[in-house]
Amino acid sequence: MDSVQRFRDAIESGDFERALREFAPDITFHSPVKFTPFEGIEQVSALFRVLARTFEDFRYVGSYLGTDQLGLDGEQAESHILRFRTTVDGKLVDGIDLIQLDDQGRIGTFTVMIRPLSAVQTVGAAVMRGLVEDGVVPAPASP
């Protein structure tokens, strides 16, 4: 069983802490609502603690395996796509987790894409609330 399958099994059983053990220490997490990625296991762990509380009835509904071109040099990497559905603040969210493994077989890059736009906005607001509640990011300044 590879890191992606162990990650999926952990998430589906509700064990986000076990899922985090499949991430490389230098993981890069690309969020659908933040331009710059979350970098490193500390930032990604903080994010996943919020996601564990935010996502309701999270479930993977499909999986796909393929290859991606990583850089301009044409290097190819095995890529896993896990399609999911969940609910956040009463809004149905449909998305994918695009996962690439590093040289040690751990999850090194994790990219999330969500649809529709209203779901992206709902997830963004809910995650920001959770990150502020946990003291990970400062509260936005009031206008």
C-alpha atoms as a PDB file:
ATOM      1  CA  MET A   1       0.000   0.000   0.000  1.00  0.00           C
ATOM      2  CA  ASP A   2       1.463   3.389  -0.966  1.00  0.00           C
ATOM      3  CA  SER A   3       1.281   6.748   0.828  1.00  0.00           C
ATOM      4  CA  VAL A   4      -1.751   7.881  -1.165  1.00  0.00           C
ATOM      5  CA  GLN A   5      -3.774   4.804  -0.210  1.00  0.00           C
ATOM      6  CA  ARG A   6      -2.726   5.082   3.445  1.00  0.00           C
ATOM      7  CA  PHE A   7      -3.672   8.783   3.349  1.00  0.00           C
ATOM      8  CA  ARG A   8      -7.063   7.990   1.824  1.00  0.00           C
ATOM      9  CA  ASP A   9      -7.733   5.222   4.353  1.00  0.00           C
ATOM     10  CA  ALA A  10      -6.858   7.550   7.237  1.00  0.00           C
ATOM     11  CA  ILE A  11      -9.056  10.388   5.941  1.00  0.00           C
ATOM     12  CA  GLU A  12     -11.989   8.070   5.279  1.00  0.00           C
ATOM     13  CA  SER A  13     -11.730   6.722   8.835  1.00  0.00           C
ATOM     14  CA  GLY A  14     -11.645  10.285  10.213  1.00  0.00           C
ATOM     15  CA  ASP A  15      -8.049  10.013  11.440  1.00  0.00           C
ATOM     16  CA  PHE A  16      -6.510  13.253  10.167  1.00  0.00           C
ATOM     17  CA  GLU A  17      -3.459  12.851  12.429  1.00  0.00           C
ATOM     18  CA  ARG A  18      -2.628   9.491  10.823  1.00  0.00           C
ATOM     19  CA  ALA A  19      -3.150  11.052   7.392  1.00  0.00           C
ATOM     20  CA  LEU A  20      -0.580  13.754   8.208  1.00  0.00           C
ATOM     21  CA  ARG A  21       2.095  11.084   8.713  1.00  0.00           C
ATOM     22  CA  GLU A  22       1.997  10.413   4.955  1.00  0.00           C
ATOM     23  CA  PHE A  23       3.214  13.945   4.171  1.00  0.00           C
ATOM     24  CA  ALA A  24       6.862  14.736   3.533  1.00  0.00           C
ATOM     25  CA  PRO A  25       8.353  17.205   6.039  1.00  0.00           C
ATOM     26  CA  ASP A  26       8.769  19.749   3.213  1.00  0.00           C
ATOM     27  CA  ILE A  27       5.295  19.256   1.720  1.00  0.00           C
ATOM     28  CA  THR A  28       3.868  21.941  -0.541  1.00  0.00           C
ATOM     29  CA  PHE A  29       0.084  22.347  -0.284  1.00  0.00           C
ATOM     30  CA  HIS A  30      -1.658  24.411  -2.961  1.00  0.00           C
ATOM     31  CA  SER A  31      -5.001  25.722  -1.731  1.00  0.00           C
ATOM     32  CA  PRO A  32      -7.857  26.772  -4.007  1.00  0.00           C
ATOM     33  CA  VAL A  33      -8.307  29.961  -1.980  1.00  0.00           C
ATOM     34  CA  LYS A  34      -4.752  31.125  -1.296  1.00  0.00           C
ATOM     35  CA  PHE A  35      -2.284  32.295  -3.941  1.00  0.00           C
ATOM     36  CA  THR A  36       0.871  31.216  -2.116  1.00  0.00           C
ATOM     37  CA  PRO A  37       1.097  27.593  -1.004  1.00  0.00           C
ATOM     38  CA  PHE A  38       1.261  26.308   2.545  1.00  0.00           C
ATOM     39  CA  GLU A  39       4.865  25.137   2.965  1.00  0.00           C
ATOM     40  CA  GLY A  40       6.096  22.496   5.386  1.00  0.00           C
ATOM     41  CA  ILE A  41       4.492  20.002   7.686  1.00  0.00           C
ATOM     42  CA  GLU A  42       3.785  22.528  10.472  1.00  0.00           C
ATOM     43  CA  GLN A  43       1.662  24.805   8.264  1.00  0.00           C
ATOM     44  CA  VAL A  44      -0.075  21.884   6.562  1.00  0.00           C
ATOM     45  CA  SER A  45      -0.788  20.167   9.892  1.00  0.00           C
ATOM     46  CA  ALA A  46      -2.393  23.360  11.217  1.00  0.00           C
ATOM     47  CA  LEU A  47      -4.510  23.577   8.074  1.00  0.00           C
ATOM     48  CA  PHE A  48      -5.622  19.929   8.316  1.00  0.00           C
ATOM     49  CA  ARG A  49      -6.703  20.370  11.941  1.00  0.00           C
ATOM     50  CA  VAL A  50      -9.036  23.116  10.708  1.00  0.00           C
ATOM     51  CA  LEU A  51     -10.242  20.994   7.768  1.00  0.00           C
ATOM     52  CA  ALA A  52     -11.059  18.117  10.137  1.00  0.00           C
ATOM     53  CA  ARG A  53     -13.512  20.408  11.950  1.00  0.00           C
ATOM     54  CA  THR A  54     -14.777  22.236   8.868  1.00  0.00           C
ATOM     55  CA  PHE A  55     -15.621  19.462   6.409  1.00  0.00           C
ATOM     56  CA  GLU A  56     -18.873  17.629   7.104  1.00  0.00           C
ATOM     57  CA  ASP A  57     -19.578  14.189   5.649  1.00  0.00           C
ATOM     58  CA  PHE A  58     -16.290  14.205   3.710  1.00  0.00           C
ATOM     59  CA  ARG A  59     -15.942  11.252   1.330  1.00  0.00           C
ATOM     60  CA  TYR A  60     -13.819  10.257  -1.604  1.00  0.00           C
ATOM     61  CA  VAL A  61     -15.967   9.254  -4.579  1.00  0.00           C
ATOM     62  CA  GLY A  62     -13.335   8.442  -7.208  1.00  0.00           C
ATOM     63  CA  SER A  63      -9.638   7.930  -7.832  1.00  0.00           C
ATOM     64  CA  TYR A  64      -7.464   8.254 -10.903  1.00  0.00           C
ATOM     65  CA  LEU A  65      -3.803   7.591 -11.659  1.00  0.00           C
ATOM     66  CA  GLY A  66      -1.717   9.269 -14.328  1.00  0.00           C
ATOM     67  CA  THR A  67       1.360  11.369 -14.973  1.00  0.00           C
ATOM     68  CA  ASP A  68       2.070  15.079 -14.888  1.00  0.00           C
ATOM     69  CA  GLN A  69       4.815  17.181 -16.376  1.00  0.00           C
ATOM     70  CA  LEU A  70       6.394  18.828 -13.341  1.00  0.00           C
ATOM     71  CA  GLY A  71       8.572  21.544 -14.783  1.00  0.00           C
ATOM     72  CA  LEU A  72       9.753  23.132 -17.968  1.00  0.00           C
ATOM     73  CA  ASP A  73      12.327  20.382 -18.439  1.00  0.00           C
ATOM     74  CA  GLY A  74       9.605  17.854 -19.260  1.00  0.00           C
ATOM     75  CA  GLU A  75      10.197  15.711 -16.175  1.00  0.00           C
ATOM     76  CA  GLN A  76       7.214  13.420 -15.580  1.00  0.00           C
ATOM     77  CA  ALA A  77       5.849  12.329 -12.196  1.00  0.00           C
ATOM     78  CA  GLU A  78       3.197   9.874 -11.141  1.00  0.00           C
ATOM     79  CA  SER A  79       0.081  11.750 -10.052  1.00  0.00           C
ATOM     80  CA  HIS A  80      -2.897  10.559  -8.085  1.00  0.00           C
ATOM     81  CA  ILE A  81      -6.272  12.276  -8.179  1.00  0.00           C
ATOM     82  CA  LEU A  82      -8.810  11.649  -5.441  1.00  0.00           C
ATOM     83  CA  ARG A  83     -12.242  13.110  -6.165  1.00  0.00           C
ATOM     84  CA  PHE A  84     -14.208  14.155  -3.095  1.00  0.00           C
ATOM     85  CA  ARG A  85     -17.499  15.558  -1.917  1.00  0.00           C
ATOM     86  CA  THR A  86     -18.196  17.266   1.365  1.00  0.00           C
ATOM     87  CA  THR A  87     -20.395  19.918   2.919  1.00  0.00           C
ATOM     88  CA  VAL A  88     -19.163  23.160   4.467  1.00  0.00           C
ATOM     89  CA  ASP A  89     -21.567  25.541   6.197  1.00  0.00           C
ATOM     90  CA  GLY A  90     -24.478  23.858   4.402  1.00  0.00           C
ATOM     91  CA  LYS A  91     -22.895  24.221   0.934  1.00  0.00           C
ATOM     92  CA  LEU A  92     -22.169  21.116  -1.161  1.00  0.00           C
ATOM     93  CA  VAL A  93     -18.507  21.073  -2.239  1.00  0.00           C
ATOM     94  CA  ASP A  94     -17.161  18.991  -5.133  1.00  0.00           C
ATOM     95  CA  GLY A  95     -13.419  18.789  -5.628  1.00  0.00           C
ATOM     96  CA  ILE A  96     -10.242  16.896  -6.294  1.00  0.00           C
ATOM     97  CA  ASP A  97      -6.998  16.332  -4.447  1.00  0.00           C
ATOM     98  CA  LEU A  98      -4.089  16.148  -6.908  1.00  0.00           C
ATOM     99  CA  ILE A  99      -1.186  14.366  -5.219  1.00  0.00           C
ATOM    100  CA  GLN A 100       2.431  13.786  -6.227  1.00  0.00           C
ATOM    101  CA  LEU A 101       4.873  11.669  -4.254  1.00  0.00           C
ATOM    102  CA  ASP A 102       8.446  12.675  -3.497  1.00  0.00           C
ATOM    103  CA  ASP A 103      11.561  10.542  -4.049  1.00  0.00           C
ATOM    104  CA  GLN A 104      10.961   8.707  -0.760  1.00  0.00           C
ATOM    105  CA  GLY A 105       7.375   7.790  -1.691  1.00  0.00           C
ATOM    106  CA  ARG A 106       5.799  10.327   0.680  1.00  0.00           C
ATOM    107  CA  ILE A 107       3.230  12.932  -0.336  1.00  0.00           C
ATOM    108  CA  GLY A 108       5.351  15.886  -1.450  1.00  0.00           C
ATOM    109  CA  THR A 109       2.866  18.039  -3.348  1.00  0.00           C
ATOM    110  CA  PHE A 110      -0.859  18.294  -2.660  1.00  0.00           C
ATOM    111  CA  THR A 111      -3.115  20.512  -4.755  1.00  0.00           C
ATOM    112  CA  VAL A 112      -6.831  21.008  -4.067  1.00  0.00           C
ATOM    113  CA  MET A 113      -9.321  22.197  -6.663  1.00  0.00           C
ATOM    114  CA  ILE A 114     -12.941  22.919  -5.757  1.00  0.00           C
ATOM    115  CA  ARG A 115     -16.092  23.778  -7.649  1.00  0.00           C
ATOM    116  CA  PRO A 116     -18.404  25.669  -7.917  1.00  0.00           C
ATOM    117  CA  LEU A 117     -17.116  29.178  -7.189  1.00  0.00           C
ATOM    118  CA  SER A 118     -19.634  29.657  -4.384  1.00  0.00           C
ATOM    119  CA  ALA A 119     -18.218  26.520  -2.717  1.00  0.00           C
ATOM    120  CA  VAL A 120     -14.655  27.866  -3.031  1.00  0.00           C
ATOM    121  CA  GLN A 121     -15.777  31.083  -1.350  1.00  0.00           C
ATOM    122  CA  THR A 122     -17.576  29.201   1.441  1.00  0.00           C
ATOM    123  CA  VAL A 123     -14.584  26.928   2.077  1.00  0.00           C
ATOM    124  CA  GLY A 124     -12.212  29.900   2.070  1.00  0.00           C
ATOM    125  CA  ALA A 125     -14.258  31.790   4.647  1.00  0.00           C
ATOM    126  CA  ALA A 126     -14.700  28.726   6.877  1.00  0.00           C
ATOM    127  CA  VAL A 127     -11.016  27.781   6.767  1.00  0.00           C
ATOM    128  CA  MET A 128      -9.960  31.365   7.514  1.00  0.00           C
ATOM    129  CA  ARG A 129     -12.280  31.409  10.542  1.00  0.00           C
ATOM    130  CA  GLY A 130     -10.698  28.170  11.764  1.00  0.00           C
ATOM    131  CA  LEU A 131      -7.129  29.376  11.220  1.00  0.00           C
ATOM    132  CA  VAL A 132      -7.914  32.577  13.146  1.00  0.00           C
ATOM    133  CA  GLU A 133      -9.612  30.594  15.959  1.00  0.00           C
ATOM    134  CA  ASP A 134      -6.517  28.372  16.246  1.00  0.00           C
ATOM    135  CA  GLY A 135      -4.182  31.379  16.276  1.00  0.00           C
ATOM    136  CA  VAL A 136      -2.435  30.251  13.099  1.00  0.00           C
ATOM    137  CA  VAL A 137      -3.120  33.551  11.320  1.00  0.00           C
ATOM    138  CA  PRO A 138      -4.109  36.934  12.760  1.00  0.00           C
ATOM    139  CA  ALA A 139      -7.675  38.097  12.479  1.00  0.00           C
ATOM    140  CA  PRO A 140      -8.260  40.315   9.437  1.00  0.00           C
ATOM    141  CA  ALA A 141      -8.267  44.022  10.203  1.00  0.00           C
ATOM    142  CA  SER A 142     -11.705  45.564  10.434  1.00  0.00           C
ATOM    143  CA  PRO A 143     -12.506  48.148   7.737  1.00  0.00           C
END
